[in-house]
Amino acid sequence: MKDGLIARKSLAFAVRIVKAVGYLKKEKREYELANQLLRSGTSIGANVSESKYAESDRDFVSKLKIALKEANETKYWLRVLMLSEILSGKETQSLMDDAEELVIILTSILKTKQENMSKQENMSKQ
């Protein structure tokens, strides 16, 4: 259930990031930070999508850990854009909120999966 939720939310977030980057490039003439934001913000959903076809539980966890790192990096670039006054707090807050929501969901999925993997390992040792 959460897997479908994270896929939908990360895709929607990627679309918002693409639009924000378009704005940054066209209206603010900011290219370097925009490209950093584009890479990290769209990578979240790409890694979530890859995790669906993971070869193993460990591969699944690895892909989602990368997505989690990318979500945190995206929050960093949004903070940089806000603190450098390229974007206002108002412009970035909604994206920051969405990025934080992705972090929370990914953390929850990873915690549950890792707990289940640990239980399976313990059962196989018995």
N, C-alpha and C. Protein backbone atom coordinates (compact mmCIF):
# COMPACT_ATOMS: atom_id res chain seq x y z
N MET A 1 0.83 -1.20 0.00
CA MET A 1 0.00 0.00 0.00
C MET A 1 0.87 1.26 0.00
N LYS A 2 1.86 1.31 0.91
CA LYS A 2 2.74 2.47 0.94
C LYS A 2 3.59 2.55 -0.31
N ASP A 3 3.88 1.38 -0.91
CA ASP A 3 4.69 1.37 -2.13
C ASP A 3 3.98 2.12 -3.26
N GLY A 4 2.67 1.93 -3.38
CA GLY A 4 1.90 2.65 -4.39
C GLY A 4 1.81 4.13 -4.07
N LEU A 5 1.68 4.44 -2.79
CA LEU A 5 1.61 5.83 -2.36
C LEU A 5 2.91 6.56 -2.67
N ILE A 6 4.03 5.95 -2.35
CA ILE A 6 5.32 6.61 -2.59
C ILE A 6 5.57 6.76 -4.09
N ALA A 7 5.13 5.81 -4.88
CA ALA A 7 5.31 5.92 -6.33
C ALA A 7 4.51 7.12 -6.87
N ARG A 8 3.26 7.23 -6.45
CA ARG A 8 2.41 8.35 -6.91
C ARG A 8 2.96 9.69 -6.44
N LYS A 9 3.31 9.76 -5.16
CA LYS A 9 3.78 11.04 -4.61
C LYS A 9 5.13 11.45 -5.16
N SER A 10 6.02 10.50 -5.37
CA SER A 10 7.34 10.85 -5.90
C SER A 10 7.24 11.29 -7.36
N LEU A 11 6.33 10.69 -8.12
CA LEU A 11 6.11 11.12 -9.51
C LEU A 11 5.52 12.53 -9.54
N ALA A 12 4.52 12.79 -8.72
CA ALA A 12 3.91 14.12 -8.67
C ALA A 12 4.95 15.16 -8.24
N PHE A 13 5.81 14.78 -7.30
CA PHE A 13 6.86 15.68 -6.84
C PHE A 13 7.84 15.97 -7.98
N ALA A 14 8.21 14.95 -8.73
CA ALA A 14 9.14 15.14 -9.85
C ALA A 14 8.55 16.13 -10.87
N VAL A 15 7.27 16.02 -11.13
CA VAL A 15 6.61 16.95 -12.07
C VAL A 15 6.68 18.38 -11.53
N ARG A 16 6.43 18.53 -10.23
CA ARG A 16 6.52 19.88 -9.62
C ARG A 16 7.93 20.43 -9.69
N ILE A 17 8.91 19.56 -9.50
CA ILE A 17 10.31 19.99 -9.57
C ILE A 17 10.66 20.44 -11.00
N VAL A 18 10.21 19.68 -11.99
CA VAL A 18 10.46 20.05 -13.39
C VAL A 18 9.88 21.44 -13.67
N LYS A 19 8.68 21.68 -13.19
CA LYS A 19 8.05 22.99 -13.39
C LYS A 19 8.81 24.09 -12.65
N ALA A 20 9.24 23.81 -11.43
CA ALA A 20 9.99 24.80 -10.65
C ALA A 20 11.32 25.12 -11.33
N VAL A 21 11.97 24.12 -11.87
CA VAL A 21 13.24 24.33 -12.57
C VAL A 21 13.02 25.16 -13.83
N GLY A 22 11.93 24.90 -14.53
CA GLY A 22 11.60 25.72 -15.69
C GLY A 22 11.45 27.19 -15.31
N TYR A 23 10.79 27.42 -14.20
CA TYR A 23 10.62 28.79 -13.69
C TYR A 23 11.98 29.39 -13.32
N LEU A 24 12.79 28.62 -12.62
CA LEU A 24 14.11 29.12 -12.20
C LEU A 24 14.96 29.52 -13.40
N LYS A 25 14.92 28.71 -14.43
CA LYS A 25 15.74 28.99 -15.61
C LYS A 25 15.20 30.17 -16.42
N LYS A 26 13.89 30.19 -16.60
CA LYS A 26 13.28 31.23 -17.44
C LYS A 26 13.19 32.58 -16.72
N GLU A 27 12.66 32.57 -15.51
CA GLU A 27 12.39 33.82 -14.81
C GLU A 27 13.56 34.33 -13.97
N LYS A 28 14.31 33.44 -13.39
CA LYS A 28 15.40 33.83 -12.49
C LYS A 28 16.77 33.71 -13.13
N ARG A 29 16.83 33.10 -14.29
CA ARG A 29 18.08 32.87 -15.00
C ARG A 29 19.11 32.16 -14.11
N GLU A 30 18.61 31.22 -13.34
CA GLU A 30 19.46 30.42 -12.46
C GLU A 30 19.55 29.02 -13.05
N TYR A 31 20.74 28.63 -13.47
CA TYR A 31 20.91 27.36 -14.16
C TYR A 31 21.60 26.29 -13.32
N GLU A 32 22.67 26.65 -12.65
CA GLU A 32 23.44 25.64 -11.91
C GLU A 32 22.63 25.04 -10.76
N LEU A 33 22.07 25.89 -9.93
CA LEU A 33 21.27 25.38 -8.80
C LEU A 33 20.01 24.69 -9.32
N ALA A 34 19.45 25.22 -10.39
CA ALA A 34 18.26 24.59 -10.98
C ALA A 34 18.58 23.18 -11.45
N ASN A 35 19.72 23.00 -12.06
CA ASN A 35 20.10 21.67 -12.53
C ASN A 35 20.34 20.71 -11.37
N GLN A 36 20.93 21.20 -10.29
CA GLN A 36 21.13 20.36 -9.10
C GLN A 36 19.77 19.92 -8.55
N LEU A 37 18.85 20.87 -8.48
CA LEU A 37 17.51 20.58 -7.97
C LEU A 37 16.80 19.58 -8.88
N LEU A 38 16.95 19.75 -10.18
CA LEU A 38 16.32 18.85 -11.14
C LEU A 38 16.84 17.42 -10.96
N ARG A 39 18.16 17.28 -10.84
CA ARG A 39 18.74 15.94 -10.70
C ARG A 39 18.27 15.24 -9.43
N SER A 40 18.36 15.93 -8.31
CA SER A 40 17.99 15.27 -7.05
C SER A 40 16.48 15.09 -6.93
N GLY A 41 15.72 16.08 -7.34
CA GLY A 41 14.27 16.03 -7.19
C GLY A 41 13.58 14.99 -8.05
N THR A 42 14.15 14.72 -9.22
CA THR A 42 13.56 13.70 -10.09
C THR A 42 14.14 12.31 -9.81
N SER A 43 15.30 12.27 -9.20
CA SER A 43 15.93 11.00 -8.89
C SER A 43 15.16 10.21 -7.83
N ILE A 44 14.43 10.91 -6.99
CA ILE A 44 13.65 10.23 -5.94
C ILE A 44 12.69 9.24 -6.59
N GLY A 45 11.86 9.72 -7.48
CA GLY A 45 10.88 8.87 -8.15
C GLY A 45 11.51 7.82 -9.03
N ALA A 46 12.64 8.16 -9.65
CA ALA A 46 13.33 7.19 -10.51
C ALA A 46 13.79 6.00 -9.68
N ASN A 47 14.33 6.25 -8.50
CA ASN A 47 14.78 5.16 -7.64
C ASN A 47 13.63 4.39 -7.04
N VAL A 48 12.54 5.07 -6.71
CA VAL A 48 11.34 4.38 -6.25
C VAL A 48 10.84 3.45 -7.35
N SER A 49 10.82 3.95 -8.58
CA SER A 49 10.38 3.14 -9.70
C SER A 49 11.28 1.93 -9.90
N GLU A 50 12.58 2.12 -9.80
CA GLU A 50 13.52 1.00 -9.93
C GLU A 50 13.31 -0.04 -8.84
N SER A 51 12.94 0.42 -7.65
CA SER A 51 12.78 -0.51 -6.52
C SER A 51 11.68 -1.54 -6.76
N LYS A 52 10.73 -1.21 -7.62
CA LYS A 52 9.65 -2.15 -7.93
C LYS A 52 10.18 -3.42 -8.59
N TYR A 53 11.29 -3.30 -9.27
CA TYR A 53 11.87 -4.42 -9.99
C TYR A 53 13.19 -4.88 -9.36
N ALA A 54 13.30 -4.65 -8.07
CA ALA A 54 14.52 -5.05 -7.35
C ALA A 54 14.72 -6.56 -7.45
N GLU A 55 15.96 -6.95 -7.50
CA GLU A 55 16.30 -8.36 -7.62
C GLU A 55 16.22 -9.10 -6.29
N SER A 56 16.24 -8.35 -5.21
CA SER A 56 16.19 -8.94 -3.88
C SER A 56 15.69 -7.90 -2.89
N ASP A 57 15.44 -8.34 -1.67
CA ASP A 57 15.06 -7.39 -0.62
C ASP A 57 16.16 -6.37 -0.38
N ARG A 58 17.40 -6.84 -0.41
CA ARG A 58 18.53 -5.93 -0.19
C ARG A 58 18.63 -4.89 -1.31
N ASP A 59 18.36 -5.30 -2.53
CA ASP A 59 18.36 -4.38 -3.66
C ASP A 59 17.23 -3.36 -3.50
N PHE A 60 16.06 -3.83 -3.08
CA PHE A 60 14.91 -2.95 -2.82
C PHE A 60 15.29 -1.88 -1.79
N VAL A 61 15.87 -2.32 -0.69
CA VAL A 61 16.28 -1.40 0.37
C VAL A 61 17.32 -0.41 -0.16
N SER A 62 18.26 -0.89 -0.93
CA SER A 62 19.30 -0.03 -1.49
C SER A 62 18.70 1.08 -2.35
N LYS A 63 17.76 0.72 -3.21
CA LYS A 63 17.12 1.71 -4.09
C LYS A 63 16.37 2.76 -3.28
N LEU A 64 15.65 2.31 -2.25
CA LEU A 64 14.89 3.26 -1.44
C LEU A 64 15.80 4.12 -0.57
N LYS A 65 16.94 3.59 -0.17
CA LYS A 65 17.90 4.41 0.58
C LYS A 65 18.45 5.51 -0.31
N ILE A 66 18.68 5.19 -1.57
CA ILE A 66 19.14 6.22 -2.51
C ILE A 66 18.05 7.28 -2.69
N ALA A 67 16.80 6.84 -2.82
CA ALA A 67 15.68 7.79 -2.95
C ALA A 67 15.61 8.70 -1.72
N LEU A 68 15.81 8.13 -0.54
CA LEU A 68 15.79 8.91 0.70
C LEU A 68 16.92 9.94 0.70
N LYS A 69 18.10 9.54 0.29
CA LYS A 69 19.23 10.48 0.22
C LYS A 69 18.93 11.60 -0.77
N GLU A 70 18.33 11.26 -1.90
CA GLU A 70 18.00 12.27 -2.90
C GLU A 70 16.93 13.24 -2.39
N ALA A 71 15.98 12.73 -1.62
CA ALA A 71 14.96 13.60 -1.04
C ALA A 71 15.60 14.60 -0.08
N ASN A 72 16.54 14.12 0.73
CA ASN A 72 17.23 15.03 1.64
C ASN A 72 18.11 16.03 0.89
N GLU A 73 18.74 15.58 -0.20
CA GLU A 73 19.53 16.51 -1.01
C GLU A 73 18.63 17.57 -1.64
N THR A 74 17.47 17.17 -2.08
CA THR A 74 16.52 18.12 -2.67
C THR A 74 16.13 19.18 -1.66
N LYS A 75 15.89 18.76 -0.42
CA LYS A 75 15.58 19.74 0.64
C LYS A 75 16.74 20.72 0.81
N TYR A 76 17.95 20.22 0.73
CA TYR A 76 19.13 21.08 0.84
C TYR A 76 19.13 22.15 -0.26
N TRP A 77 18.93 21.74 -1.52
CA TRP A 77 18.95 22.70 -2.63
C TRP A 77 17.82 23.71 -2.51
N LEU A 78 16.67 23.27 -2.03
CA LEU A 78 15.56 24.21 -1.82
C LEU A 78 15.92 25.24 -0.75
N ARG A 79 16.59 24.78 0.32
CA ARG A 79 17.03 25.72 1.37
C ARG A 79 18.05 26.72 0.80
N VAL A 80 18.98 26.23 -0.02
CA VAL A 80 19.97 27.13 -0.63
C VAL A 80 19.27 28.18 -1.47
N LEU A 81 18.33 27.77 -2.29
CA LEU A 81 17.59 28.71 -3.13
C LEU A 81 16.83 29.73 -2.30
N MET A 82 16.28 29.28 -1.19
CA MET A 82 15.53 30.19 -0.33
C MET A 82 16.47 31.14 0.41
N LEU A 83 17.52 30.62 1.01
CA LEU A 83 18.44 31.46 1.79
C LEU A 83 19.23 32.43 0.93
N SER A 84 19.45 32.08 -0.32
CA SER A 84 20.13 33.00 -1.24
C SER A 84 19.15 33.97 -1.89
N GLU A 85 17.90 33.86 -1.52
CA GLU A 85 16.82 34.75 -1.97
C GLU A 85 16.57 34.68 -3.47
N ILE A 86 16.91 33.53 -4.04
CA ILE A 86 16.54 33.30 -5.45
C ILE A 86 15.06 32.92 -5.50
N LEU A 87 14.62 32.16 -4.51
CA LEU A 87 13.20 31.87 -4.32
C LEU A 87 12.79 32.35 -2.94
N SER A 88 11.54 32.77 -2.83
CA SER A 88 11.05 33.19 -1.52
C SER A 88 10.66 31.97 -0.69
N GLY A 89 10.56 32.18 0.60
CA GLY A 89 10.12 31.10 1.49
C GLY A 89 8.76 30.58 1.08
N LYS A 90 7.91 31.49 0.64
CA LYS A 90 6.57 31.11 0.20
C LYS A 90 6.63 30.18 -1.01
N GLU A 91 7.54 30.47 -1.93
CA GLU A 91 7.68 29.67 -3.15
C GLU A 91 8.25 28.29 -2.86
N THR A 92 9.08 28.19 -1.85
CA THR A 92 9.72 26.91 -1.58
C THR A 92 9.02 26.07 -0.52
N GLN A 93 8.20 26.66 0.31
CA GLN A 93 7.64 25.93 1.45
C GLN A 93 6.82 24.72 1.03
N SER A 94 6.00 24.86 0.03
CA SER A 94 5.19 23.73 -0.42
C SER A 94 6.06 22.58 -0.94
N LEU A 95 7.11 22.91 -1.68
CA LEU A 95 8.03 21.89 -2.16
C LEU A 95 8.79 21.25 -0.99
N MET A 96 9.18 22.08 -0.04
CA MET A 96 9.87 21.55 1.15
C MET A 96 8.95 20.60 1.92
N ASP A 97 7.69 20.98 2.05
CA ASP A 97 6.72 20.12 2.75
C ASP A 97 6.55 18.79 2.03
N ASP A 98 6.47 18.84 0.71
CA ASP A 98 6.33 17.60 -0.07
C ASP A 98 7.58 16.74 0.04
N ALA A 99 8.74 17.37 0.00
CA ALA A 99 10.00 16.61 0.13
C ALA A 99 10.07 15.95 1.51
N GLU A 100 9.66 16.67 2.53
CA GLU A 100 9.67 16.10 3.89
C GLU A 100 8.68 14.95 4.00
N GLU A 101 7.54 15.07 3.35
CA GLU A 101 6.58 13.97 3.35
C GLU A 101 7.18 12.73 2.68
N LEU A 102 7.90 12.92 1.60
CA LEU A 102 8.56 11.79 0.94
C LEU A 102 9.59 11.16 1.87
N VAL A 103 10.34 11.98 2.59
CA VAL A 103 11.32 11.47 3.56
C VAL A 103 10.63 10.61 4.61
N ILE A 104 9.52 11.08 5.12
CA ILE A 104 8.78 10.35 6.16
C ILE A 104 8.27 9.01 5.62
N ILE A 105 7.68 9.03 4.45
CA ILE A 105 7.14 7.79 3.87
C ILE A 105 8.27 6.80 3.57
N LEU A 106 9.34 7.29 2.95
CA LEU A 106 10.48 6.41 2.64
C LEU A 106 11.09 5.82 3.90
N THR A 107 11.23 6.63 4.92
CA THR A 107 11.78 6.15 6.20
C THR A 107 10.90 5.07 6.78
N SER A 108 9.60 5.25 6.71
CA SER A 108 8.66 4.26 7.23
C SER A 108 8.74 2.94 6.46
N ILE A 109 8.78 3.03 5.14
CA ILE A 109 8.88 1.83 4.31
C ILE A 109 10.18 1.10 4.61
N LEU A 110 11.27 1.84 4.68
CA LEU A 110 12.57 1.22 4.95
C LEU A 110 12.61 0.56 6.32
N LYS A 111 12.06 1.23 7.31
CA LYS A 111 12.06 0.67 8.66
C LYS A 111 11.28 -0.65 8.69
N THR A 112 10.10 -0.65 8.10
CA THR A 112 9.27 -1.86 8.07
C THR A 112 9.97 -2.98 7.31
N LYS A 113 10.52 -2.66 6.14
CA LYS A 113 11.18 -3.68 5.33
C LYS A 113 12.39 -4.26 6.05
N GLN A 114 13.18 -3.40 6.66
CA GLN A 114 14.37 -3.87 7.35
C GLN A 114 14.01 -4.71 8.58
N GLU A 115 12.94 -4.35 9.28
CA GLU A 115 12.47 -5.16 10.40
C GLU A 115 12.02 -6.53 9.92
N ASN A 116 11.28 -6.55 8.82
CA ASN A 116 10.83 -7.83 8.26
C ASN A 116 12.00 -8.69 7.79
N MET A 117 12.99 -8.07 7.19
CA MET A 117 14.17 -8.80 6.75
C MET A 117 14.92 -9.40 7.95
N SER A 118 14.99 -8.63 9.01
CA SER A 118 15.66 -9.10 10.22
C SER A 118 14.93 -10.29 10.83
N LYS A 119 13.61 -10.21 10.84
CA LYS A 119 12.79 -11.32 11.36
C LYS A 119 12.99 -12.58 10.52
N GLN A 120 13.02 -12.40 9.20
CA GLN A 120 13.24 -13.54 8.30
C GLN A 120 14.61 -14.16 8.52
N GLU A 121 15.62 -13.34 8.71
CA GLU A 121 16.97 -13.87 8.96
C GLU A 121 17.00 -14.64 10.27
N ASN A 122 16.35 -14.11 11.29
CA ASN A 122 16.32 -14.79 12.59
C ASN A 122 15.57 -16.11 12.50
N MET A 123 14.49 -16.15 11.73
CA MET A 123 13.72 -17.38 11.58
C MET A 123 14.52 -18.43 10.81
N SER A 124 15.30 -17.99 9.83
CA SER A 124 16.07 -18.95 9.04
C SER A 124 17.25 -19.51 9.83
N LYS A 125 17.68 -18.81 10.86
CA LYS A 125 18.77 -19.29 11.70
C LYS A 125 18.31 -20.35 12.69
N GLN A 126 17.02 -20.40 12.94
CA GLN A 126 16.49 -21.33 13.94
C GLN A 126 16.32 -22.72 13.39
